[in-house]
Each structure stands twice: as structure tokens, then as C-alpha cells.
Amino acid sequence: DFEAVTKNDKLSTVSAPKGTVMYISLNQK
């Protein structure tokens, strides 16, 4: 959907890197 918006000349997009990471965690129990 983001790509579709970027291709629509009537719309625009904005983005910024965030101080957020995604991870998988393994319970040591």
C-alpha cells in the first residue's frame, strides 16, 4: 500500500528512521 501511494501523483509520502527495533527472543527457561 505504501508503494501504491508513492505512485499516486495526487498523494505524497514521508518517512523517518525510528528508535525502534523488531526482534525474535528465545526464553532461556
PDB file of all heavy atoms in Angstrom:
ATOM      1  N   ASP A   1       0.827  -1.208   0.000  1.00  0.00           N
ATOM      2  CA  ASP A   1       0.000   0.000   0.000  1.00  0.00           C
ATOM      3  C   ASP A   1       0.860   1.257   0.000  1.00  0.00           C
ATOM      4  O   ASP A   1       0.500   2.257  -0.640  1.00  0.00           O
ATOM      5  CB  ASP A   1      -0.932  -0.010   1.210  1.00  0.00           C
ATOM      6  CG  ASP A   1      -1.978  -1.109   1.118  1.00  0.00           C
ATOM      7  OD1 ASP A   1      -2.657  -1.204   0.081  1.00  0.00           O
ATOM      8  OD2 ASP A   1      -2.102  -1.887   2.083  1.00  0.00           O
ATOM      9  N   PHE A   2       1.979   1.215   0.707  1.00  0.00           N
ATOM     10  CA  PHE A   2       2.886   2.371   0.707  1.00  0.00           C
ATOM     11  C   PHE A   2       3.415   2.617  -0.702  1.00  0.00           C
ATOM     12  O   PHE A   2       3.475   3.757  -1.171  1.00  0.00           O
ATOM     13  CB  PHE A   2       4.034   2.136   1.680  1.00  0.00           C
ATOM     14  CG  PHE A   2       4.985   3.296   1.800  1.00  0.00           C
ATOM     15  CD1 PHE A   2       4.600   4.467   2.441  1.00  0.00           C
ATOM     16  CD2 PHE A   2       6.256   3.223   1.259  1.00  0.00           C
ATOM     17  CE1 PHE A   2       5.469   5.544   2.541  1.00  0.00           C
ATOM     18  CE2 PHE A   2       7.125   4.300   1.350  1.00  0.00           C
ATOM     19  CZ  PHE A   2       6.734   5.453   2.002  1.00  0.00           C
ATOM     20  N   GLU A   3       3.767   1.543  -1.402  1.00  0.00           N
ATOM     21  CA  GLU A   3       4.267   1.681  -2.772  1.00  0.00           C
ATOM     22  C   GLU A   3       3.195   2.250  -3.687  1.00  0.00           C
ATOM     23  O   GLU A   3       3.482   3.085  -4.557  1.00  0.00           O
ATOM     24  CB  GLU A   3       4.740   0.320  -3.281  1.00  0.00           C
ATOM     25  CG  GLU A   3       5.393   0.385  -4.642  1.00  0.00           C
ATOM     26  CD  GLU A   3       5.961  -0.956  -5.085  1.00  0.00           C
ATOM     27  OE1 GLU A   3       5.775  -1.950  -4.357  1.00  0.00           O
ATOM     28  OE2 GLU A   3       6.578  -1.007  -6.170  1.00  0.00           O
ATOM     29  N   ALA A   4       1.947   1.822  -3.484  1.00  0.00           N
ATOM     30  CA  ALA A   4       0.850   2.340  -4.309  1.00  0.00           C
ATOM     31  C   ALA A   4       0.669   3.841  -4.101  1.00  0.00           C
ATOM     32  O   ALA A   4       0.420   4.587  -5.062  1.00  0.00           O
ATOM     33  CB  ALA A   4      -0.448   1.601  -3.973  1.00  0.00           C
ATOM     34  N   VAL A   5       0.807   4.287  -2.856  1.00  0.00           N
ATOM     35  CA  VAL A   5       0.684   5.718  -2.565  1.00  0.00           C
ATOM     36  C   VAL A   5       1.817   6.503  -3.217  1.00  0.00           C
ATOM     37  O   VAL A   5       1.614   7.595  -3.748  1.00  0.00           O
ATOM     38  CB  VAL A   5       0.643   5.960  -1.043  1.00  0.00           C
ATOM     39  CG1 VAL A   5       0.712   7.457  -0.734  1.00  0.00           C
ATOM     40  CG2 VAL A   5      -0.633   5.374  -0.449  1.00  0.00           C
ATOM     41  N   THR A   6       3.023   5.947  -3.194  1.00  0.00           N
ATOM     42  CA  THR A   6       4.163   6.662  -3.805  1.00  0.00           C
ATOM     43  C   THR A   6       3.967   6.846  -5.313  1.00  0.00           C
ATOM     44  O   THR A   6       4.513   7.788  -5.892  1.00  0.00           O
ATOM     45  CB  THR A   6       5.481   5.906  -3.562  1.00  0.00           C
ATOM     46  OG1 THR A   6       5.428   4.614  -4.194  1.00  0.00           O
ATOM     47  CG2 THR A   6       5.760   5.733  -2.081  1.00  0.00           C
ATOM     48  N   LYS A   7       3.190   5.962  -5.926  1.00  0.00           N
ATOM     49  CA  LYS A   7       2.979   6.045  -7.377  1.00  0.00           C
ATOM     50  C   LYS A   7       1.775   6.915  -7.743  1.00  0.00           C
ATOM     51  O   LYS A   7       1.525   7.142  -8.933  1.00  0.00           O
ATOM     52  CB  LYS A   7       2.791   4.637  -7.950  1.00  0.00           C
ATOM     53  CG  LYS A   7       4.045   3.772  -7.844  1.00  0.00           C
ATOM     54  CD  LYS A   7       3.788   2.375  -8.380  1.00  0.00           C
ATOM     55  CE  LYS A   7       5.052   1.513  -8.295  1.00  0.00           C
ATOM     56  NZ  LYS A   7       4.812   0.137  -8.785  1.00  0.00           N
ATOM     57  N   ASN A   8       1.045   7.387  -6.735  1.00  0.00           N
ATOM     58  CA  ASN A   8      -0.138   8.217  -6.979  1.00  0.00           C
ATOM     59  C   ASN A   8       0.290   9.681  -6.973  1.00  0.00           C
ATOM     60  O   ASN A   8       0.685  10.224  -5.937  1.00  0.00           O
ATOM     61  CB  ASN A   8      -1.176   7.958  -5.881  1.00  0.00           C
ATOM     62  CG  ASN A   8      -2.504   8.615  -6.165  1.00  0.00           C
ATOM     63  OD1 ASN A   8      -2.570   9.705  -6.744  1.00  0.00           O
ATOM     64  ND2 ASN A   8      -3.584   7.977  -5.734  1.00  0.00           N
ATOM     65  N   ASP A   9       0.215  10.347  -8.122  1.00  0.00           N
ATOM     66  CA  ASP A   9       0.721  11.720  -8.220  1.00  0.00           C
ATOM     67  C   ASP A   9      -0.146  12.736  -7.485  1.00  0.00           C
ATOM     68  O   ASP A   9       0.225  13.910  -7.380  1.00  0.00           O
ATOM     69  CB  ASP A   9       0.900  12.135  -9.678  1.00  0.00           C
ATOM     70  CG  ASP A   9      -0.380  12.029 -10.497  1.00  0.00           C
ATOM     71  OD1 ASP A   9      -1.463  11.804  -9.903  1.00  0.00           O
ATOM     72  OD2 ASP A   9      -0.308  12.172 -11.734  1.00  0.00           O
ATOM     73  N   LYS A  10      -1.298  12.305  -6.960  1.00  0.00           N
ATOM     74  CA  LYS A  10      -2.142  13.203  -6.180  1.00  0.00           C
ATOM     75  C   LYS A  10      -1.833  13.129  -4.685  1.00  0.00           C
ATOM     76  O   LYS A  10      -2.394  13.899  -3.895  1.00  0.00           O
ATOM     77  CB  LYS A  10      -3.617  12.877  -6.424  1.00  0.00           C
ATOM     78  CG  LYS A  10      -4.077  13.111  -7.865  1.00  0.00           C
ATOM     79  CD  LYS A  10      -5.547  12.784  -8.031  1.00  0.00           C
ATOM     80  CE  LYS A  10      -5.995  13.022  -9.466  1.00  0.00           C
ATOM     81  NZ  LYS A  10      -7.442  12.698  -9.658  1.00  0.00           N
ATOM     82  N   LEU A  11      -0.975  12.187  -4.327  1.00  0.00           N
ATOM     83  CA  LEU A  11      -0.620  11.979  -2.929  1.00  0.00           C
ATOM     84  C   LEU A  11       0.886  12.111  -2.759  1.00  0.00           C
ATOM     85  O   LEU A  11       1.634  12.240  -3.731  1.00  0.00           O
ATOM     86  CB  LEU A  11      -1.075  10.581  -2.474  1.00  0.00           C
ATOM     87  CG  LEU A  11      -2.553  10.229  -2.696  1.00  0.00           C
ATOM     88  CD1 LEU A  11      -2.798   8.770  -2.336  1.00  0.00           C
ATOM     89  CD2 LEU A  11      -3.450  11.154  -1.869  1.00  0.00           C
ATOM     90  N   SER A  12       1.338  12.084  -1.516  1.00  0.00           N
ATOM     91  CA  SER A  12       2.771  12.114  -1.237  1.00  0.00           C
ATOM     92  C   SER A  12       3.049  11.240  -0.019  1.00  0.00           C
ATOM     93  O   SER A  12       2.127  10.770   0.650  1.00  0.00           O
ATOM     94  CB  SER A  12       3.260  13.550  -0.973  1.00  0.00           C
ATOM     95  OG  SER A  12       2.660  14.085   0.193  1.00  0.00           O
ATOM     96  N   THR A  13       4.318  11.018   0.253  1.00  0.00           N
ATOM     97  CA  THR A  13       4.697  10.193   1.398  1.00  0.00           C
ATOM     98  C   THR A  13       5.810  10.874   2.178  1.00  0.00           C
ATOM     99  O   THR A  13       6.509  11.750   1.668  1.00  0.00           O
ATOM    100  CB  THR A  13       5.189   8.801   0.961  1.00  0.00           C
ATOM    101  OG1 THR A  13       6.346   8.958   0.133  1.00  0.00           O
ATOM    102  CG2 THR A  13       4.106   8.044   0.218  1.00  0.00           C
ATOM    103  N   VAL A  14       5.962  10.450   3.413  1.00  0.00           N
ATOM    104  CA  VAL A  14       7.053  10.925   4.254  1.00  0.00           C
ATOM    105  C   VAL A  14       7.509   9.737   5.095  1.00  0.00           C
ATOM    106  O   VAL A  14       6.711   8.853   5.414  1.00  0.00           O
ATOM    107  CB  VAL A  14       6.591  12.101   5.147  1.00  0.00           C
ATOM    108  CG1 VAL A  14       5.523  11.665   6.134  1.00  0.00           C
ATOM    109  CG2 VAL A  14       7.764  12.722   5.887  1.00  0.00           C
ATOM    110  N   SER A  15       8.793   9.705   5.432  1.00  0.00           N
ATOM    111  CA  SER A  15       9.300   8.603   6.243  1.00  0.00           C
ATOM    112  C   SER A  15      10.474   9.094   7.085  1.00  0.00           C
ATOM    113  O   SER A  15      11.088  10.118   6.784  1.00  0.00           O
ATOM    114  CB  SER A  15       9.746   7.429   5.361  1.00  0.00           C
ATOM    115  OG  SER A  15      10.819   7.818   4.512  1.00  0.00           O
ATOM    116  N   ALA A  16      10.760   8.346   8.156  1.00  0.00           N
ATOM    117  CA  ALA A  16      11.879   8.684   9.030  1.00  0.00           C
ATOM    118  C   ALA A  16      12.294   7.449   9.812  1.00  0.00           C
ATOM    119  O   ALA A  16      11.427   6.695  10.274  1.00  0.00           O
ATOM    120  CB  ALA A  16      11.492   9.812   9.996  1.00  0.00           C
ATOM    121  N   PRO A  17      13.605   7.209   9.964  1.00  0.00           N
ATOM    122  CA  PRO A  17      14.041   6.092  10.807  1.00  0.00           C
ATOM    123  C   PRO A  17      13.649   6.342  12.252  1.00  0.00           C
ATOM    124  O   PRO A  17      13.706   7.472  12.742  1.00  0.00           O
ATOM    125  CB  PRO A  17      15.562   6.084  10.624  1.00  0.00           C
ATOM    126  CG  PRO A  17      15.900   7.457  10.160  1.00  0.00           C
ATOM    127  CD  PRO A  17      14.727   7.953   9.394  1.00  0.00           C
ATOM    128  N   LYS A  18      13.216   5.295  12.921  1.00  0.00           N
ATOM    129  CA  LYS A  18      12.719   5.404  14.288  1.00  0.00           C
ATOM    130  C   LYS A  18      13.680   4.700  15.235  1.00  0.00           C
ATOM    131  O   LYS A  18      14.389   3.769  14.849  1.00  0.00           O
ATOM    132  CB  LYS A  18      11.344   4.726  14.384  1.00  0.00           C
ATOM    133  CG  LYS A  18      10.268   5.505  15.113  1.00  0.00           C
ATOM    134  CD  LYS A  18      10.009   6.820  14.511  1.00  0.00           C
ATOM    135  CE  LYS A  18       8.884   7.572  15.202  1.00  0.00           C
ATOM    136  NZ  LYS A  18       8.639   8.846  14.551  1.00  0.00           N
ATOM    137  N   GLY A  19      13.661   5.106  16.492  1.00  0.00           N
ATOM    138  CA  GLY A  19      14.471   4.440  17.505  1.00  0.00           C
ATOM    139  C   GLY A  19      13.794   3.173  17.977  1.00  0.00           C
ATOM    140  O   GLY A  19      13.672   2.929  19.180  1.00  0.00           O
ATOM    141  N   THR A  20      13.337   2.354  17.030  1.00  0.00           N
ATOM    142  CA  THR A  20      12.560   1.156  17.320  1.00  0.00           C
ATOM    143  C   THR A  20      13.127  -0.017  16.538  1.00  0.00           C
ATOM    144  O   THR A  20      13.405   0.118  15.340  1.00  0.00           O
ATOM    145  CB  THR A  20      11.088   1.362  16.925  1.00  0.00           C
ATOM    146  OG1 THR A  20      10.587   2.536  17.554  1.00  0.00           O
ATOM    147  CG2 THR A  20      10.237   0.180  17.321  1.00  0.00           C
ATOM    148  N   VAL A  21      13.315  -1.151  17.202  1.00  0.00           N
ATOM    149  CA  VAL A  21      13.803  -2.348  16.523  1.00  0.00           C
ATOM    150  C   VAL A  21      12.822  -3.490  16.743  1.00  0.00           C
ATOM    151  O   VAL A  21      12.123  -3.542  17.752  1.00  0.00           O
ATOM    152  CB  VAL A  21      15.209  -2.760  17.020  1.00  0.00           C
ATOM    153  CG1 VAL A  21      16.246  -1.710  16.640  1.00  0.00           C
ATOM    154  CG2 VAL A  21      15.225  -3.009  18.526  1.00  0.00           C
ATOM    155  N   MET A  22      12.784  -4.412  15.777  1.00  0.00           N
ATOM    156  CA  MET A  22      11.979  -5.619  15.919  1.00  0.00           C
ATOM    157  C   MET A  22      12.919  -6.806  16.075  1.00  0.00           C
ATOM    158  O   MET A  22      13.976  -6.854  15.437  1.00  0.00           O
ATOM    159  CB  MET A  22      11.055  -5.818  14.725  1.00  0.00           C
ATOM    160  CG  MET A  22      10.177  -7.066  14.833  1.00  0.00           C
ATOM    161  SD  MET A  22       8.794  -7.111  13.653  1.00  0.00           S
ATOM    162  CE  MET A  22       7.547  -6.203  14.574  1.00  0.00           C
ATOM    163  N   TYR A  23      12.529  -7.752  16.921  1.00  0.00           N
ATOM    164  CA  TYR A  23      13.408  -8.860  17.256  1.00  0.00           C
ATOM    165  C   TYR A  23      12.596 -10.112  17.563  1.00  0.00           C
ATOM    166  O   TYR A  23      11.403 -10.049  17.864  1.00  0.00           O
ATOM    167  CB  TYR A  23      14.264  -8.500  18.477  1.00  0.00           C
ATOM    168  CG  TYR A  23      13.435  -8.267  19.723  1.00  0.00           C
ATOM    169  CD1 TYR A  23      13.165  -9.298  20.615  1.00  0.00           C
ATOM    170  CD2 TYR A  23      12.869  -7.007  19.988  1.00  0.00           C
ATOM    171  CE1 TYR A  23      12.369  -9.093  21.741  1.00  0.00           C
ATOM    172  CE2 TYR A  23      12.070  -6.806  21.107  1.00  0.00           C
ATOM    173  CZ  TYR A  23      11.821  -7.853  21.973  1.00  0.00           C
ATOM    174  OH  TYR A  23      11.022  -7.657  23.072  1.00  0.00           O
ATOM    175  N   ILE A  24      13.259 -11.251  17.465  1.00  0.00           N
ATOM    176  CA  ILE A  24      12.724 -12.513  17.970  1.00  0.00           C
ATOM    177  C   ILE A  24      13.525 -12.854  19.216  1.00  0.00           C
ATOM    178  O   ILE A  24      14.757 -12.758  19.212  1.00  0.00           O
ATOM    179  CB  ILE A  24      12.862 -13.641  16.932  1.00  0.00           C
ATOM    180  CG1 ILE A  24      12.033 -13.326  15.683  1.00  0.00           C
ATOM    181  CG2 ILE A  24      12.444 -14.986  17.523  1.00  0.00           C
ATOM    182  CD1 ILE A  24      12.284 -14.278  14.517  1.00  0.00           C
ATOM    183  N   SER A  25      12.848 -13.249  20.293  1.00  0.00           N
ATOM    184  CA  SER A  25      13.559 -13.580  21.520  1.00  0.00           C
ATOM    185  C   SER A  25      13.312 -15.020  21.919  1.00  0.00           C
ATOM    186  O   SER A  25      12.253 -15.592  21.634  1.00  0.00           O
ATOM    187  CB  SER A  25      13.165 -12.633  22.654  1.00  0.00           C
ATOM    188  OG  SER A  25      11.808 -12.791  22.994  1.00  0.00           O
ATOM    189  N   LEU A  26      14.300 -15.603  22.593  1.00  0.00           N
ATOM    190  CA  LEU A  26      14.293 -17.002  22.982  1.00  0.00           C
ATOM    191  C   LEU A  26      14.325 -17.093  24.502  1.00  0.00           C
ATOM    192  O   LEU A  26      15.299 -16.655  25.132  1.00  0.00           O
ATOM    193  CB  LEU A  26      15.508 -17.739  22.407  1.00  0.00           C
ATOM    194  CG  LEU A  26      15.608 -17.990  20.900  1.00  0.00           C
ATOM    195  CD1 LEU A  26      15.646 -16.701  20.094  1.00  0.00           C
ATOM    196  CD2 LEU A  26      16.869 -18.810  20.608  1.00  0.00           C
ATOM    197  N   ASN A  27      13.292 -17.651  25.085  1.00  0.00           N
ATOM    198  CA  ASN A  27      13.213 -17.759  26.539  1.00  0.00           C
ATOM    199  C   ASN A  27      14.231 -18.787  27.046  1.00  0.00           C
ATOM    200  O   ASN A  27      14.179 -19.973  26.682  1.00  0.00           O
ATOM    201  CB  ASN A  27      11.801 -18.173  26.953  1.00  0.00           C
ATOM    202  CG  ASN A  27      11.570 -18.031  28.447  1.00  0.00           C
ATOM    203  OD1 ASN A  27      12.504 -17.921  29.240  1.00  0.00           O
ATOM    204  ND2 ASN A  27      10.305 -18.031  28.842  1.00  0.00           N
ATOM    205  N   GLN A  28      15.139 -18.352  27.906  1.00  0.00           N
ATOM    206  CA  GLN A  28      16.191 -19.226  28.406  1.00  0.00           C
ATOM    207  C   GLN A  28      15.699 -20.231  29.445  1.00  0.00           C
ATOM    208  O   GLN A  28      16.471 -21.080  29.900  1.00  0.00           O
ATOM    209  CB  GLN A  28      17.331 -18.382  28.955  1.00  0.00           C
ATOM    210  CG  GLN A  28      17.986 -17.486  27.910  1.00  0.00           C
ATOM    211  CD  GLN A  28      18.535 -18.272  26.736  1.00  0.00           C
ATOM    212  OE1 GLN A  28      19.607 -18.846  26.828  1.00  0.00           O
ATOM    213  NE2 GLN A  28      17.790 -18.333  25.635  1.00  0.00           N
ATOM    214  N   LYS A  29      14.438 -20.141  29.797  1.00  0.00           N
ATOM    215  CA  LYS A  29      13.859 -21.175  30.653  1.00  0.00           C
ATOM    216  C   LYS A  29      13.601 -22.463  29.871  1.00  0.00           C
ATOM    217  O   LYS A  29      13.419 -23.526  30.462  1.00  0.00           O
ATOM    218  CB  LYS A  29      12.557 -20.681  31.288  1.00  0.00           C
ATOM    219  CG  LYS A  29      12.760 -19.638  32.378  1.00  0.00           C
ATOM    220  CD  LYS A  29      11.457 -19.377  33.117  1.00  0.00           C
ATOM    221  CE  LYS A  29      11.683 -18.479  34.326  1.00  0.00           C
ATOM    222  NZ  LYS A  29      10.469 -18.352  35.167  1.00  0.00           N
TER     223      LYS A  29
END
